[in-house]
Structure formats: structure tokens, C-alpha cells
């Protein structure tokens, strides 16, 4: 797979036949993580958290599928381990999870996604998110 930088902050990935694959939209991921990280427990409803969760988990999953240097860098490898633990279904919030637990999970996932996004932009010579 080859990643080609596009104009702006986003890039798109293509396979060897030139067919476009799921893009890493740096701007969208950056905005999503910023929204979650600016949420306050006192003013956020469980519904707000539940709406944001699938998007953040999707972004995290997408970035974990990218080559971010985990084979060469133990710090990146540790971020990947943390990401896979967060994505594990047994660790995700359920309807029975208290709001505080869902809030902490969402913030942890957004923070890790943001960190992986920064690594992604550095590896591909894109502007910081």
C-alpha cells in the first residue's frame, strides 16, 4: 500500500493497482478528537458520549491499521498495545457502564487517537493536526 499526500491536511491511500482505499482524513479526525477532548463531564450527557464513541473508535481503528513505525519504535508499539486494549469489546462501555466510565473511556480513546494522528502526520510529512 502506498500513501499519497494530498493538498491540505488529508492524505489518501492507494493499493498497488491505484485503487483508492480508506483515506486517513487528518482534518476530520483532528476535529473529532478535539470535540471529545473539549467535553466536560459536568455538561456532557451520556447521549453525547454515545454519539461520539463510534466515530472515535472508528478513527482509532483506522490509525491502528496504518504503518506508524511500531516495528522499529517501542513507544509507538506501546501506543498500539493500548489502542488494541481500548478496541477490545470487553473494555468498551456498554449501556450499563456508568456515565463517568464512558466519559473516561471516550477521552482515553480520543487522546490516543490524537497521538497516533500526530505520528501519522509526522511520518507522512503532513502538517500537524
N, C-alpha and C. Protein backbone atom coordinates (compact mmCIF):
# COMPACT_ATOMS: atom_id res chain seq x y z
N UNK A 1 0.84 -1.17 0.00
CA UNK A 1 0.00 0.00 0.00
C UNK A 1 0.88 1.23 0.00
N UNK A 2 0.52 2.23 -0.76
CA UNK A 2 1.27 3.48 -0.86
C UNK A 2 0.36 4.59 -0.34
N UNK A 3 0.92 5.48 0.47
CA UNK A 3 0.14 6.62 0.94
C UNK A 3 0.61 7.85 0.19
N UNK A 4 -0.33 8.56 -0.39
CA UNK A 4 -0.03 9.73 -1.18
C UNK A 4 -0.60 10.95 -0.47
N UNK A 5 0.24 11.94 -0.23
CA UNK A 5 -0.24 13.16 0.41
C UNK A 5 -1.05 13.96 -0.60
N UNK A 6 -2.14 14.49 -0.15
CA UNK A 6 -2.99 15.33 -0.97
C UNK A 6 -2.85 16.77 -0.49
N UNK A 7 -3.43 17.68 -1.22
CA UNK A 7 -3.41 19.06 -0.77
C UNK A 7 -4.19 19.18 0.53
N UNK A 8 -3.84 20.11 1.35
CA UNK A 8 -4.49 20.25 2.64
C UNK A 8 -3.87 19.29 3.63
N UNK A 9 -4.62 18.99 4.69
CA UNK A 9 -4.09 18.13 5.74
C UNK A 9 -4.36 16.66 5.51
N UNK A 10 -5.26 16.32 4.63
CA UNK A 10 -5.64 14.92 4.46
C UNK A 10 -4.69 14.22 3.49
N UNK A 11 -4.69 12.91 3.54
CA UNK A 11 -3.97 12.11 2.56
C UNK A 11 -4.89 10.99 2.12
N UNK A 12 -4.49 10.30 1.06
CA UNK A 12 -5.29 9.16 0.65
C UNK A 12 -4.35 8.01 0.38
N UNK A 13 -4.82 6.83 0.66
CA UNK A 13 -4.02 5.63 0.45
C UNK A 13 -4.48 4.96 -0.83
N UNK A 14 -3.52 4.37 -1.56
CA UNK A 14 -3.86 3.62 -2.76
C UNK A 14 -3.15 2.29 -2.70
N UNK A 15 -3.77 1.28 -3.28
CA UNK A 15 -3.08 0.00 -3.33
C UNK A 15 -2.25 -0.05 -4.61
N UNK A 16 -1.61 -1.17 -4.88
CA UNK A 16 -0.68 -1.26 -6.00
C UNK A 16 -1.36 -1.06 -7.35
N UNK A 17 -2.67 -1.23 -7.45
CA UNK A 17 -3.37 -1.02 -8.71
C UNK A 17 -3.85 0.41 -8.86
N UNK A 18 -3.58 1.24 -7.85
CA UNK A 18 -4.00 2.63 -7.91
C UNK A 18 -5.42 2.85 -7.41
N UNK A 19 -6.06 1.81 -6.90
CA UNK A 19 -7.41 1.92 -6.39
C UNK A 19 -7.38 2.59 -5.02
N UNK A 20 -8.23 3.57 -4.82
CA UNK A 20 -8.25 4.27 -3.54
C UNK A 20 -8.80 3.37 -2.44
N UNK A 21 -8.14 3.41 -1.29
CA UNK A 21 -8.50 2.63 -0.11
C UNK A 21 -9.02 3.64 0.92
N UNK A 22 -9.47 3.16 2.08
CA UNK A 22 -9.94 4.07 3.12
C UNK A 22 -8.94 5.19 3.38
N UNK A 23 -9.36 6.43 3.24
CA UNK A 23 -8.43 7.54 3.47
C UNK A 23 -8.29 7.85 4.96
N UNK A 24 -7.15 8.39 5.31
CA UNK A 24 -6.96 8.93 6.65
C UNK A 24 -7.20 10.43 6.50
N UNK A 25 -8.36 10.86 6.94
CA UNK A 25 -8.74 12.26 6.83
C UNK A 25 -8.27 12.99 8.09
N UNK A 26 -7.09 13.57 7.99
CA UNK A 26 -6.45 14.20 9.14
C UNK A 26 -7.33 15.29 9.74
N UNK A 27 -7.93 16.09 8.91
CA UNK A 27 -8.75 17.20 9.40
C UNK A 27 -9.97 16.70 10.17
N UNK A 28 -10.67 15.72 9.63
CA UNK A 28 -11.86 15.18 10.31
C UNK A 28 -11.49 14.52 11.63
N UNK A 29 -10.43 13.71 11.62
CA UNK A 29 -10.01 13.04 12.85
C UNK A 29 -9.59 14.08 13.89
N UNK A 30 -8.88 15.09 13.45
CA UNK A 30 -8.45 16.15 14.36
C UNK A 30 -9.65 16.86 14.98
N UNK A 31 -10.63 17.19 14.17
CA UNK A 31 -11.83 17.87 14.67
C UNK A 31 -12.61 16.97 15.63
N UNK A 32 -12.74 15.69 15.29
CA UNK A 32 -13.48 14.76 16.15
C UNK A 32 -12.81 14.61 17.51
N UNK A 33 -11.50 14.45 17.50
CA UNK A 33 -10.79 14.27 18.77
C UNK A 33 -10.82 15.56 19.58
N UNK A 34 -10.73 16.69 18.92
CA UNK A 34 -10.79 17.97 19.62
C UNK A 34 -12.15 18.15 20.29
N UNK A 35 -13.21 17.78 19.60
CA UNK A 35 -14.56 17.88 20.16
C UNK A 35 -14.68 17.03 21.42
N UNK A 36 -14.20 15.78 21.35
CA UNK A 36 -14.29 14.89 22.51
C UNK A 36 -13.42 15.41 23.66
N UNK A 37 -12.21 15.83 23.34
CA UNK A 37 -11.31 16.27 24.40
C UNK A 37 -11.75 17.59 25.04
N UNK A 38 -12.63 18.31 24.38
CA UNK A 38 -13.14 19.55 24.97
C UNK A 38 -14.43 19.31 25.77
N UNK A 39 -14.96 18.09 25.73
CA UNK A 39 -16.16 17.76 26.50
C UNK A 39 -15.85 17.85 28.00
N UNK A 40 -16.83 18.30 28.75
CA UNK A 40 -16.72 18.36 30.21
C UNK A 40 -17.71 17.38 30.79
N UNK A 41 -17.29 16.66 31.81
CA UNK A 41 -18.18 15.68 32.43
C UNK A 41 -19.45 16.33 32.96
N UNK A 42 -19.31 17.51 33.54
CA UNK A 42 -20.46 18.18 34.16
C UNK A 42 -21.50 18.66 33.15
N UNK A 43 -21.08 18.88 31.90
CA UNK A 43 -22.01 19.43 30.91
C UNK A 43 -22.31 18.48 29.75
N UNK A 44 -21.70 17.30 29.75
CA UNK A 44 -21.92 16.34 28.67
C UNK A 44 -22.92 15.28 29.13
N UNK A 45 -23.84 14.95 28.24
CA UNK A 45 -24.81 13.90 28.55
C UNK A 45 -24.26 12.56 28.08
N UNK A 46 -24.82 11.51 28.60
CA UNK A 46 -24.43 10.17 28.16
C UNK A 46 -24.73 10.02 26.67
N UNK A 47 -25.82 10.63 26.21
CA UNK A 47 -26.16 10.57 24.79
C UNK A 47 -25.06 11.21 23.95
N UNK A 48 -24.51 12.36 24.39
CA UNK A 48 -23.40 13.00 23.68
C UNK A 48 -22.22 12.04 23.55
N UNK A 49 -21.93 11.36 24.65
CA UNK A 49 -20.80 10.42 24.67
C UNK A 49 -21.07 9.25 23.74
N UNK A 50 -22.27 8.70 23.82
CA UNK A 50 -22.63 7.55 22.99
C UNK A 50 -22.61 7.88 21.50
N UNK A 51 -22.93 9.12 21.15
CA UNK A 51 -22.90 9.55 19.75
C UNK A 51 -21.46 9.65 19.26
N UNK A 52 -20.57 10.15 20.09
CA UNK A 52 -19.16 10.35 19.70
C UNK A 52 -18.36 9.06 19.67
N UNK A 53 -18.75 8.09 20.47
CA UNK A 53 -17.96 6.88 20.65
C UNK A 53 -17.68 6.11 19.35
N UNK A 54 -18.67 5.79 18.52
CA UNK A 54 -18.38 5.01 17.31
C UNK A 54 -17.41 5.73 16.36
N UNK A 55 -17.53 7.04 16.27
CA UNK A 55 -16.65 7.80 15.39
C UNK A 55 -15.21 7.73 15.88
N UNK A 56 -15.00 7.95 17.17
CA UNK A 56 -13.65 7.92 17.74
C UNK A 56 -13.06 6.52 17.63
N UNK A 57 -13.85 5.51 17.94
CA UNK A 57 -13.37 4.12 17.83
C UNK A 57 -13.01 3.81 16.38
N UNK A 58 -13.80 4.30 15.44
CA UNK A 58 -13.50 4.10 14.02
C UNK A 58 -12.20 4.76 13.61
N UNK A 59 -11.97 5.98 14.08
CA UNK A 59 -10.72 6.68 13.77
C UNK A 59 -9.53 5.94 14.38
N UNK A 60 -9.68 5.50 15.62
CA UNK A 60 -8.61 4.76 16.29
C UNK A 60 -8.30 3.48 15.53
N UNK A 61 -9.32 2.76 15.15
CA UNK A 61 -9.15 1.51 14.40
C UNK A 61 -8.44 1.77 13.07
N UNK A 62 -8.82 2.83 12.39
CA UNK A 62 -8.19 3.18 11.11
C UNK A 62 -6.71 3.47 11.29
N UNK A 63 -6.37 4.25 12.30
CA UNK A 63 -4.97 4.60 12.52
C UNK A 63 -4.14 3.40 12.97
N UNK A 64 -4.73 2.48 13.70
CA UNK A 64 -4.01 1.28 14.10
C UNK A 64 -3.71 0.39 12.90
N UNK A 65 -4.42 0.59 11.82
CA UNK A 65 -4.16 -0.16 10.59
C UNK A 65 -3.08 0.45 9.72
N UNK A 66 -2.59 1.60 10.10
CA UNK A 66 -1.54 2.28 9.34
C UNK A 66 -0.16 1.87 9.82
N UNK A 67 0.83 1.98 8.96
CA UNK A 67 2.22 1.72 9.33
C UNK A 67 2.76 2.99 9.99
N UNK A 68 2.81 2.97 11.31
CA UNK A 68 3.28 4.13 12.05
C UNK A 68 4.63 3.88 12.71
N UNK A 69 5.29 2.80 12.33
CA UNK A 69 6.62 2.51 12.84
C UNK A 69 6.67 1.69 14.11
N UNK A 70 5.61 0.95 14.41
CA UNK A 70 5.57 0.15 15.63
C UNK A 70 6.66 -0.92 15.64
N UNK A 71 7.06 -1.38 14.47
CA UNK A 71 8.11 -2.41 14.41
C UNK A 71 9.46 -1.87 14.87
N UNK A 72 9.71 -0.58 14.64
CA UNK A 72 11.00 0.00 14.97
C UNK A 72 11.01 0.80 16.27
N UNK A 73 9.85 1.22 16.74
CA UNK A 73 9.80 2.16 17.87
C UNK A 73 8.97 1.56 19.01
N UNK A 74 9.62 1.33 20.15
CA UNK A 74 8.92 0.71 21.28
C UNK A 74 7.82 1.61 21.84
N UNK A 75 7.97 2.93 21.76
CA UNK A 75 6.93 3.84 22.25
C UNK A 75 5.67 3.74 21.38
N UNK A 76 5.86 3.67 20.08
CA UNK A 76 4.72 3.51 19.17
C UNK A 76 4.09 2.13 19.39
N UNK A 77 4.91 1.13 19.58
CA UNK A 77 4.40 -0.22 19.85
C UNK A 77 3.53 -0.22 21.10
N UNK A 78 3.93 0.50 22.14
CA UNK A 78 3.14 0.59 23.37
C UNK A 78 1.82 1.32 23.11
N UNK A 79 1.83 2.36 22.28
CA UNK A 79 0.59 3.05 21.92
C UNK A 79 -0.35 2.09 21.19
N UNK A 80 0.20 1.25 20.32
CA UNK A 80 -0.61 0.26 19.62
C UNK A 80 -1.23 -0.73 20.61
N UNK A 81 -0.43 -1.19 21.56
CA UNK A 81 -0.97 -2.13 22.57
C UNK A 81 -2.14 -1.49 23.31
N UNK A 82 -1.95 -0.25 23.71
CA UNK A 82 -3.01 0.47 24.41
C UNK A 82 -4.24 0.60 23.52
N UNK A 83 -4.03 0.92 22.26
CA UNK A 83 -5.13 1.05 21.32
C UNK A 83 -5.90 -0.24 21.15
N UNK A 84 -5.20 -1.35 21.03
CA UNK A 84 -5.87 -2.64 20.87
C UNK A 84 -6.64 -3.01 22.14
N UNK A 85 -6.11 -2.64 23.29
CA UNK A 85 -6.85 -2.89 24.55
C UNK A 85 -8.14 -2.07 24.56
N UNK A 86 -8.05 -0.82 24.13
CA UNK A 86 -9.26 0.03 24.10
C UNK A 86 -10.29 -0.51 23.12
N UNK A 87 -9.83 -1.04 22.00
CA UNK A 87 -10.76 -1.54 20.99
C UNK A 87 -11.40 -2.88 21.37
N UNK A 88 -10.79 -3.60 22.27
CA UNK A 88 -11.33 -4.89 22.70
C UNK A 88 -12.75 -4.67 23.23
N UNK A 89 -13.68 -5.41 22.70
CA UNK A 89 -15.10 -5.23 23.06
C UNK A 89 -15.36 -5.35 24.55
N UNK A 90 -14.61 -6.18 25.24
CA UNK A 90 -14.84 -6.33 26.68
C UNK A 90 -14.42 -5.10 27.47
N UNK A 91 -13.65 -4.20 26.85
CA UNK A 91 -13.22 -2.98 27.53
C UNK A 91 -14.03 -1.75 27.16
N UNK A 92 -14.90 -1.88 26.17
CA UNK A 92 -15.71 -0.74 25.73
C UNK A 92 -16.91 -0.54 26.65
N UNK A 93 -17.35 0.70 26.77
CA UNK A 93 -18.54 0.96 27.59
C UNK A 93 -19.78 0.29 27.00
N UNK A 94 -20.66 -0.13 27.88
CA UNK A 94 -21.95 -0.70 27.48
C UNK A 94 -23.04 0.21 28.05
N UNK A 95 -24.28 -0.14 27.80
CA UNK A 95 -25.40 0.64 28.34
C UNK A 95 -25.38 0.65 29.86
N UNK A 96 -24.79 -0.40 30.45
CA UNK A 96 -24.74 -0.49 31.92
C UNK A 96 -23.55 0.27 32.53
N UNK A 97 -22.62 0.69 31.70
CA UNK A 97 -21.45 1.42 32.20
C UNK A 97 -21.90 2.78 32.71
N UNK A 98 -21.48 3.16 33.91
CA UNK A 98 -21.83 4.49 34.41
C UNK A 98 -21.29 5.59 33.48
N UNK A 99 -21.94 6.72 33.46
CA UNK A 99 -21.54 7.83 32.59
C UNK A 99 -20.08 8.20 32.78
N UNK A 100 -19.61 8.19 34.03
CA UNK A 100 -18.23 8.55 34.29
C UNK A 100 -17.28 7.58 33.58
N UNK A 101 -17.58 6.29 33.62
CA UNK A 101 -16.75 5.29 32.95
C UNK A 101 -16.74 5.48 31.45
N UNK A 102 -17.89 5.78 30.87
CA UNK A 102 -17.98 6.04 29.43
C UNK A 102 -17.20 7.29 29.07
N UNK A 103 -17.28 8.32 29.92
CA UNK A 103 -16.56 9.57 29.70
C UNK A 103 -15.05 9.33 29.69
N UNK A 104 -14.55 8.60 30.67
CA UNK A 104 -13.11 8.31 30.77
C UNK A 104 -12.65 7.49 29.57
N UNK A 105 -13.42 6.47 29.19
CA UNK A 105 -13.07 5.65 28.04
C UNK A 105 -13.00 6.52 26.78
N UNK A 106 -14.00 7.35 26.57
CA UNK A 106 -14.07 8.18 25.37
C UNK A 106 -12.87 9.13 25.31
N UNK A 107 -12.54 9.75 26.43
CA UNK A 107 -11.39 10.66 26.47
C UNK A 107 -10.08 9.90 26.23
N UNK A 108 -9.95 8.72 26.82
CA UNK A 108 -8.73 7.92 26.60
C UNK A 108 -8.59 7.56 25.12
N UNK A 109 -9.69 7.13 24.51
CA UNK A 109 -9.66 6.75 23.10
C UNK A 109 -9.35 7.96 22.22
N UNK A 110 -9.93 9.10 22.52
CA UNK A 110 -9.68 10.31 21.73
C UNK A 110 -8.24 10.78 21.90
N UNK A 111 -7.73 10.71 23.12
CA UNK A 111 -6.35 11.13 23.37
C UNK A 111 -5.38 10.23 22.60
N UNK A 112 -5.59 8.94 22.66
CA UNK A 112 -4.71 8.01 21.95
C UNK A 112 -4.83 8.21 20.44
N UNK A 113 -6.03 8.41 19.95
CA UNK A 113 -6.25 8.66 18.52
C UNK A 113 -5.49 9.91 18.09
N UNK A 114 -5.56 10.93 18.90
CA UNK A 114 -4.86 12.19 18.60
C UNK A 114 -3.35 11.97 18.55
N UNK A 115 -2.82 11.18 19.48
CA UNK A 115 -1.38 10.91 19.50
C UNK A 115 -0.96 10.11 18.26
N UNK A 116 -1.75 9.11 17.89
CA UNK A 116 -1.44 8.33 16.69
C UNK A 116 -1.57 9.18 15.43
N UNK A 117 -2.53 10.10 15.42
CA UNK A 117 -2.69 11.00 14.28
C UNK A 117 -1.45 11.89 14.13
N UNK A 118 -0.91 12.36 15.23
CA UNK A 118 0.30 13.18 15.18
C UNK A 118 1.45 12.37 14.58
N UNK A 119 1.61 11.12 15.02
CA UNK A 119 2.66 10.25 14.48
C UNK A 119 2.43 10.05 12.98
N UNK A 120 1.18 9.82 12.60
CA UNK A 120 0.85 9.63 11.19
C UNK A 120 1.26 10.85 10.37
N UNK A 121 0.94 12.05 10.84
CA UNK A 121 1.27 13.25 10.06
C UNK A 121 2.77 13.44 9.99
N UNK A 122 3.49 13.11 11.03
CA UNK A 122 4.95 13.24 11.03
C UNK A 122 5.58 12.25 10.03
N UNK A 123 5.09 11.03 10.02
CA UNK A 123 5.64 10.01 9.12
C UNK A 123 5.37 10.30 7.65
N UNK A 124 4.29 11.03 7.39
CA UNK A 124 3.92 11.31 6.01
C UNK A 124 4.18 12.74 5.59
N UNK A 125 4.88 13.50 6.44
CA UNK A 125 5.25 14.86 6.07
C UNK A 125 4.09 15.81 5.93
N UNK A 126 3.02 15.55 6.65
CA UNK A 126 1.84 16.42 6.60
C UNK A 126 1.90 17.43 7.74
N UNK A 127 1.11 18.48 7.64
CA UNK A 127 1.04 19.46 8.71
C UNK A 127 0.48 18.84 9.98
N UNK A 128 0.91 19.38 11.10
CA UNK A 128 0.43 18.87 12.40
C UNK A 128 -1.08 19.01 12.48
N UNK A 129 -1.72 18.03 13.13
CA UNK A 129 -3.19 18.09 13.25
C UNK A 129 -3.64 19.21 14.16
